[in-house]
Amino acid sequence: MVYGNRIGHQYDLSIQKQAGINRYVLNTSVQLPPGAKLVNAENVGSNLVLQDDAHVSVVYT
């Protein structure tokens, strides 16, 4: 979901761990619109090893 806030725009994605999986590898990337500037990114990258549900968040102006 992409929405505006007081800082700029934010992209959020929730990932639910499947039952029976102890850990998993998450690969995420986000392409910002032309001219956008990144303010903050959470759980964006390659080979992130996670054991629980995850939340990906990108804030940009």
PDB file of N, CA and C in Angstrom:
ATOM      1  N   MET A   1       0.844  -1.159   0.000  1.00  0.00           N
ATOM      2  CA  MET A   1       0.000   0.000   0.000  1.00  0.00           C
ATOM      3  C   MET A   1       0.899   1.236   0.000  1.00  0.00           C
ATOM      4  N   VAL A   2       0.587   2.198  -0.825  1.00  0.00           N
ATOM      5  CA  VAL A   2       1.309   3.471  -0.844  1.00  0.00           C
ATOM      6  C   VAL A   2       0.337   4.550  -0.394  1.00  0.00           C
ATOM      7  N   TYR A   3       0.761   5.390   0.527  1.00  0.00           N
ATOM      8  CA  TYR A   3      -0.096   6.464   0.997  1.00  0.00           C
ATOM      9  C   TYR A   3       0.754   7.648   1.415  1.00  0.00           C
ATOM     10  N   GLY A   4       0.140   8.819   1.480  1.00  0.00           N
ATOM     11  CA  GLY A   4       0.831  10.032   1.895  1.00  0.00           C
ATOM     12  C   GLY A   4       0.731  10.218   3.391  1.00  0.00           C
ATOM     13  N   ASN A   5       1.730  10.850   3.967  1.00  0.00           N
ATOM     14  CA  ASN A   5       1.694  11.217   5.380  1.00  0.00           C
ATOM     15  C   ASN A   5       2.378  12.574   5.520  1.00  0.00           C
ATOM     16  N   ARG A   6       2.617  13.006   6.733  1.00  0.00           N
ATOM     17  CA  ARG A   6       3.222  14.332   6.929  1.00  0.00           C
ATOM     18  C   ARG A   6       4.650  14.410   6.418  1.00  0.00           C
ATOM     19  N   ILE A   7       5.349  13.285   6.342  1.00  0.00           N
ATOM     20  CA  ILE A   7       6.741  13.269   5.895  1.00  0.00           C
ATOM     21  C   ILE A   7       6.816  13.249   4.374  1.00  0.00           C
ATOM     22  N   GLY A   8       5.974  12.500   3.746  1.00  0.00           N
ATOM     23  CA  GLY A   8       6.011  12.326   2.298  1.00  0.00           C
ATOM     24  C   GLY A   8       5.083  11.195   1.908  1.00  0.00           C
ATOM     25  N   HIS A   9       5.620  10.210   1.241  1.00  0.00           N
ATOM     26  CA  HIS A   9       4.852   9.038   0.849  1.00  0.00           C
ATOM     27  C   HIS A   9       5.456   7.815   1.507  1.00  0.00           C
ATOM     28  N   GLN A  10       4.620   6.827   1.776  1.00  0.00           N
ATOM     29  CA  GLN A  10       5.095   5.630   2.439  1.00  0.00           C
ATOM     30  C   GLN A  10       4.547   4.396   1.733  1.00  0.00           C
ATOM     31  N   TYR A  11       5.417   3.385   1.574  1.00  0.00           N
ATOM     32  CA  TYR A  11       5.048   2.089   1.017  1.00  0.00           C
ATOM     33  C   TYR A  11       5.183   1.072   2.139  1.00  0.00           C
ATOM     34  N   ASP A  12       4.121   0.312   2.407  1.00  0.00           N
ATOM     35  CA  ASP A  12       4.144  -0.707   3.457  1.00  0.00           C
ATOM     36  C   ASP A  12       3.761  -2.054   2.881  1.00  0.00           C
ATOM     37  N   LEU A  13       4.444  -3.087   3.339  1.00  0.00           N
ATOM     38  CA  LEU A  13       4.147  -4.459   2.946  1.00  0.00           C
ATOM     39  C   LEU A  13       4.316  -5.339   4.175  1.00  0.00           C
ATOM     40  N   SER A  14       3.303  -6.157   4.478  1.00  0.00           N
ATOM     41  CA  SER A  14       3.377  -7.094   5.592  1.00  0.00           C
ATOM     42  C   SER A  14       3.555  -8.498   5.047  1.00  0.00           C
ATOM     43  N   ILE A  15       4.492  -9.250   5.636  1.00  0.00           N
ATOM     44  CA  ILE A  15       4.770 -10.621   5.218  1.00  0.00           C
ATOM     45  C   ILE A  15       4.484 -11.525   6.407  1.00  0.00           C
ATOM     46  N   GLN A  16       3.634 -12.525   6.194  1.00  0.00           N
ATOM     47  CA  GLN A  16       3.322 -13.471   7.254  1.00  0.00           C
ATOM     48  C   GLN A  16       4.112 -14.754   7.045  1.00  0.00           C
ATOM     49  N   LYS A  17       4.815 -15.177   8.090  1.00  0.00           N
ATOM     50  CA  LYS A  17       5.571 -16.418   8.045  1.00  0.00           C
ATOM     51  C   LYS A  17       4.592 -17.585   7.974  1.00  0.00           C
ATOM     52  N   GLN A  18       4.870 -18.511   7.112  1.00  0.00           N
ATOM     53  CA  GLN A  18       4.022 -19.690   6.976  1.00  0.00           C
ATOM     54  C   GLN A  18       4.270 -20.650   8.138  1.00  0.00           C
ATOM     55  N   ALA A  19       3.211 -21.233   8.663  1.00  0.00           N
ATOM     56  CA  ALA A  19       3.334 -22.198   9.755  1.00  0.00           C
ATOM     57  C   ALA A  19       4.255 -23.350   9.342  1.00  0.00           C
ATOM     58  N   GLY A  20       5.070 -23.807  10.257  1.00  0.00           N
ATOM     59  CA  GLY A  20       5.976 -24.912   9.984  1.00  0.00           C
ATOM     60  C   GLY A  20       7.325 -24.492   9.440  1.00  0.00           C
ATOM     61  N   ILE A  21       7.488 -23.225   9.098  1.00  0.00           N
ATOM     62  CA  ILE A  21       8.761 -22.695   8.596  1.00  0.00           C
ATOM     63  C   ILE A  21       9.486 -22.040   9.780  1.00  0.00           C
ATOM     64  N   ASN A  22      10.694 -22.511  10.079  1.00  0.00           N
ATOM     65  CA  ASN A  22      11.445 -21.946  11.203  1.00  0.00           C
ATOM     66  C   ASN A  22      12.078 -20.607  10.861  1.00  0.00           C
ATOM     67  N   ARG A  23      12.607 -20.489   9.653  1.00  0.00           N
ATOM     68  CA  ARG A  23      13.205 -19.236   9.205  1.00  0.00           C
ATOM     69  C   ARG A  23      13.114 -19.201   7.684  1.00  0.00           C
ATOM     70  N   TYR A  24      13.212 -18.017   7.134  1.00  0.00           N
ATOM     71  CA  TYR A  24      13.125 -17.842   5.691  1.00  0.00           C
ATOM     72  C   TYR A  24      13.991 -16.671   5.262  1.00  0.00           C
ATOM     73  N   VAL A  25      14.309 -16.645   3.987  1.00  0.00           N
ATOM     74  CA  VAL A  25      15.135 -15.577   3.423  1.00  0.00           C
ATOM     75  C   VAL A  25      14.215 -14.621   2.666  1.00  0.00           C
ATOM     76  N   LEU A  26      14.337 -13.334   2.956  1.00  0.00           N
ATOM     77  CA  LEU A  26      13.516 -12.307   2.321  1.00  0.00           C
ATOM     78  C   LEU A  26      14.398 -11.434   1.443  1.00  0.00           C
ATOM     79  N   ASN A  27      14.006 -11.274   0.193  1.00  0.00           N
ATOM     80  CA  ASN A  27      14.683 -10.376  -0.748  1.00  0.00           C
ATOM     81  C   ASN A  27      13.669  -9.346  -1.208  1.00  0.00           C
ATOM     82  N   THR A  28      13.909  -8.094  -0.910  1.00  0.00           N
ATOM     83  CA  THR A  28      12.988  -7.033  -1.327  1.00  0.00           C
ATOM     84  C   THR A  28      13.768  -5.876  -1.934  1.00  0.00           C
ATOM     85  N   SER A  29      13.147  -5.248  -2.908  1.00  0.00           N
ATOM     86  CA  SER A  29      13.684  -4.008  -3.469  1.00  0.00           C
ATOM     87  C   SER A  29      12.490  -3.145  -3.858  1.00  0.00           C
ATOM     88  N   VAL A  30      12.667  -1.868  -3.774  1.00  0.00           N
ATOM     89  CA  VAL A  30      11.609  -0.919  -4.116  1.00  0.00           C
ATOM     90  C   VAL A  30      12.205   0.120  -5.042  1.00  0.00           C
ATOM     91  N   GLN A  31      11.567   0.326  -6.173  1.00  0.00           N
ATOM     92  CA  GLN A  31      12.012   1.354  -7.110  1.00  0.00           C
ATOM     93  C   GLN A  31      11.166   2.601  -6.868  1.00  0.00           C
ATOM     94  N   LEU A  32      11.825   3.683  -6.478  1.00  0.00           N
ATOM     95  CA  LEU A  32      11.121   4.929  -6.205  1.00  0.00           C
ATOM     96  C   LEU A  32      10.765   5.639  -7.503  1.00  0.00           C
ATOM     97  N   PRO A  33       9.738   6.477  -7.466  1.00  0.00           N
ATOM     98  CA  PRO A  33       9.394   7.256  -8.655  1.00  0.00           C
ATOM     99  C   PRO A  33      10.547   8.190  -9.035  1.00  0.00           C
ATOM    100  N   PRO A  34      10.639   8.580 -10.301  1.00  0.00           N
ATOM    101  CA  PRO A  34      11.699   9.502 -10.722  1.00  0.00           C
ATOM    102  C   PRO A  34      11.690  10.779  -9.873  1.00  0.00           C
ATOM    103  N   GLY A  35      12.850  11.178  -9.397  1.00  0.00           N
ATOM    104  CA  GLY A  35      13.002  12.401  -8.612  1.00  0.00           C
ATOM    105  C   GLY A  35      12.725  12.232  -7.130  1.00  0.00           C
ATOM    106  N   ALA A  36      12.250  11.069  -6.701  1.00  0.00           N
ATOM    107  CA  ALA A  36      11.950  10.842  -5.286  1.00  0.00           C
ATOM    108  C   ALA A  36      13.234  10.675  -4.491  1.00  0.00           C
ATOM    109  N   LYS A  37      13.186  11.064  -3.211  1.00  0.00           N
ATOM    110  CA  LYS A  37      14.331  10.926  -2.320  1.00  0.00           C
ATOM    111  C   LYS A  37      13.937  10.047  -1.145  1.00  0.00           C
ATOM    112  N   LEU A  38      14.761   9.043  -0.859  1.00  0.00           N
ATOM    113  CA  LEU A  38      14.514   8.107   0.224  1.00  0.00           C
ATOM    114  C   LEU A  38      14.692   8.800   1.572  1.00  0.00           C
ATOM    115  N   VAL A  39      13.718   8.628   2.469  1.00  0.00           N
ATOM    116  CA  VAL A  39      13.799   9.153   3.834  1.00  0.00           C
ATOM    117  C   VAL A  39      14.170   8.031   4.800  1.00  0.00           C
ATOM    118  N   ASN A  40      13.516   6.869   4.669  1.00  0.00           N
ATOM    119  CA  ASN A  40      13.772   5.751   5.572  1.00  0.00           C
ATOM    120  C   ASN A  40      13.356   4.448   4.894  1.00  0.00           C
ATOM    121  N   ALA A  41      14.078   3.365   5.176  1.00  0.00           N
ATOM    122  CA  ALA A  41      13.730   2.044   4.654  1.00  0.00           C
ATOM    123  C   ALA A  41      13.922   1.013   5.763  1.00  0.00           C
ATOM    124  N   GLU A  42      12.982   0.083   5.861  1.00  0.00           N
ATOM    125  CA  GLU A  42      13.027  -0.969   6.873  1.00  0.00           C
ATOM    126  C   GLU A  42      12.827  -2.321   6.193  1.00  0.00           C
ATOM    127  N   ASN A  43      13.720  -3.264   6.438  1.00  0.00           N
ATOM    128  CA  ASN A  43      13.668  -4.617   5.868  1.00  0.00           C
ATOM    129  C   ASN A  43      13.681  -4.626   4.340  1.00  0.00           C
ATOM    130  N   VAL A  44      14.458  -3.747   3.755  1.00  0.00           N
ATOM    131  CA  VAL A  44      14.649  -3.733   2.307  1.00  0.00           C
ATOM    132  C   VAL A  44      16.076  -4.192   2.051  1.00  0.00           C
ATOM    133  N   GLY A  45      16.228  -5.185   1.197  1.00  0.00           N
ATOM    134  CA  GLY A  45      17.563  -5.675   0.886  1.00  0.00           C
ATOM    135  C   GLY A  45      17.529  -7.129   0.470  1.00  0.00           C
ATOM    136  N   SER A  46      18.696  -7.704   0.345  1.00  0.00           N
ATOM    137  CA  SER A  46      18.829  -9.082  -0.116  1.00  0.00           C
ATOM    138  C   SER A  46      19.267  -9.994   1.015  1.00  0.00           C
ATOM    139  N   ASN A  47      18.764 -11.206   0.977  1.00  0.00           N
ATOM    140  CA  ASN A  47      19.172 -12.268   1.888  1.00  0.00           C
ATOM    141  C   ASN A  47      18.971 -11.939   3.358  1.00  0.00           C
ATOM    142  N   LEU A  48      17.858 -11.290   3.684  1.00  0.00           N
ATOM    143  CA  LEU A  48      17.521 -11.039   5.077  1.00  0.00           C
ATOM    144  C   LEU A  48      16.936 -12.326   5.651  1.00  0.00           C
ATOM    145  N   VAL A  49      17.559 -12.885   6.671  1.00  0.00           N
ATOM    146  CA  VAL A  49      17.080 -14.123   7.284  1.00  0.00           C
ATOM    147  C   VAL A  49      16.160 -13.751   8.445  1.00  0.00           C
ATOM    148  N   LEU A  50      14.904 -14.167   8.338  1.00  0.00           N
ATOM    149  CA  LEU A  50      13.898 -13.811   9.334  1.00  0.00           C
ATOM    150  C   LEU A  50      13.271 -15.061   9.922  1.00  0.00           C
ATOM    151  N   GLN A  51      12.768 -14.934  11.150  1.00  0.00           N
ATOM    152  CA  GLN A  51      12.145 -16.064  11.827  1.00  0.00           C
ATOM    153  C   GLN A  51      10.676 -15.809  12.149  1.00  0.00           C
ATOM    154  N   ASP A  52      10.203 -14.602  11.982  1.00  0.00           N
ATOM    155  CA  ASP A  52       8.832 -14.235  12.315  1.00  0.00           C
ATOM    156  C   ASP A  52       8.206 -13.467  11.159  1.00  0.00           C
ATOM    157  N   ASP A  53       6.981 -13.005  11.370  1.00  0.00           N
ATOM    158  CA  ASP A  53       6.351 -12.131  10.391  1.00  0.00           C
ATOM    159  C   ASP A  53       7.252 -10.913  10.183  1.00  0.00           C
ATOM    160  N   ALA A  54       7.131 -10.284   9.037  1.00  0.00           N
ATOM    161  CA  ALA A  54       7.991  -9.139   8.733  1.00  0.00           C
ATOM    162  C   ALA A  54       7.154  -7.982   8.207  1.00  0.00           C
ATOM    163  N   HIS A  55       7.726  -6.810   8.302  1.00  0.00           N
ATOM    164  CA  HIS A  55       7.109  -5.594   7.791  1.00  0.00           C
ATOM    165  C   HIS A  55       8.156  -4.847   6.971  1.00  0.00           C
ATOM    166  N   VAL A  56       7.828  -4.557   5.711  1.00  0.00           N
ATOM    167  CA  VAL A  56       8.701  -3.772   4.853  1.00  0.00           C
ATOM    168  C   VAL A  56       8.090  -2.375   4.772  1.00  0.00           C
ATOM    169  N   SER A  57       8.908  -1.366   4.975  1.00  0.00           N
ATOM    170  CA  SER A  57       8.423   0.003   4.938  1.00  0.00           C
ATOM    171  C   SER A  57       9.448   0.894   4.233  1.00  0.00           C
ATOM    172  N   VAL A  58       8.971   1.750   3.340  1.00  0.00           N
ATOM    173  CA  VAL A  58       9.813   2.717   2.646  1.00  0.00           C
ATOM    174  C   VAL A  58       9.100   4.063   2.701  1.00  0.00           C
ATOM    175  N   VAL A  59       9.798   5.084   3.194  1.00  0.00           N
ATOM    176  CA  VAL A  59       9.262   6.441   3.243  1.00  0.00           C
ATOM    177  C   VAL A  59      10.107   7.283   2.291  1.00  0.00           C
ATOM    178  N   TYR A  60       9.447   8.058   1.437  1.00  0.00           N
ATOM    179  CA  TYR A  60      10.176   8.899   0.487  1.00  0.00           C
ATOM    180  C   TYR A  60       9.431  10.200   0.246  1.00  0.00           C
ATOM    181  N   THR A  61      10.184  11.190  -0.229  1.00  0.00           N
ATOM    182  CA  THR A  61       9.586  12.485  -0.565  1.00  0.00           C
ATOM    183  C   THR A  61       9.698  12.709  -2.047  1.00  0.00           C
TER     184      THR A  61
END
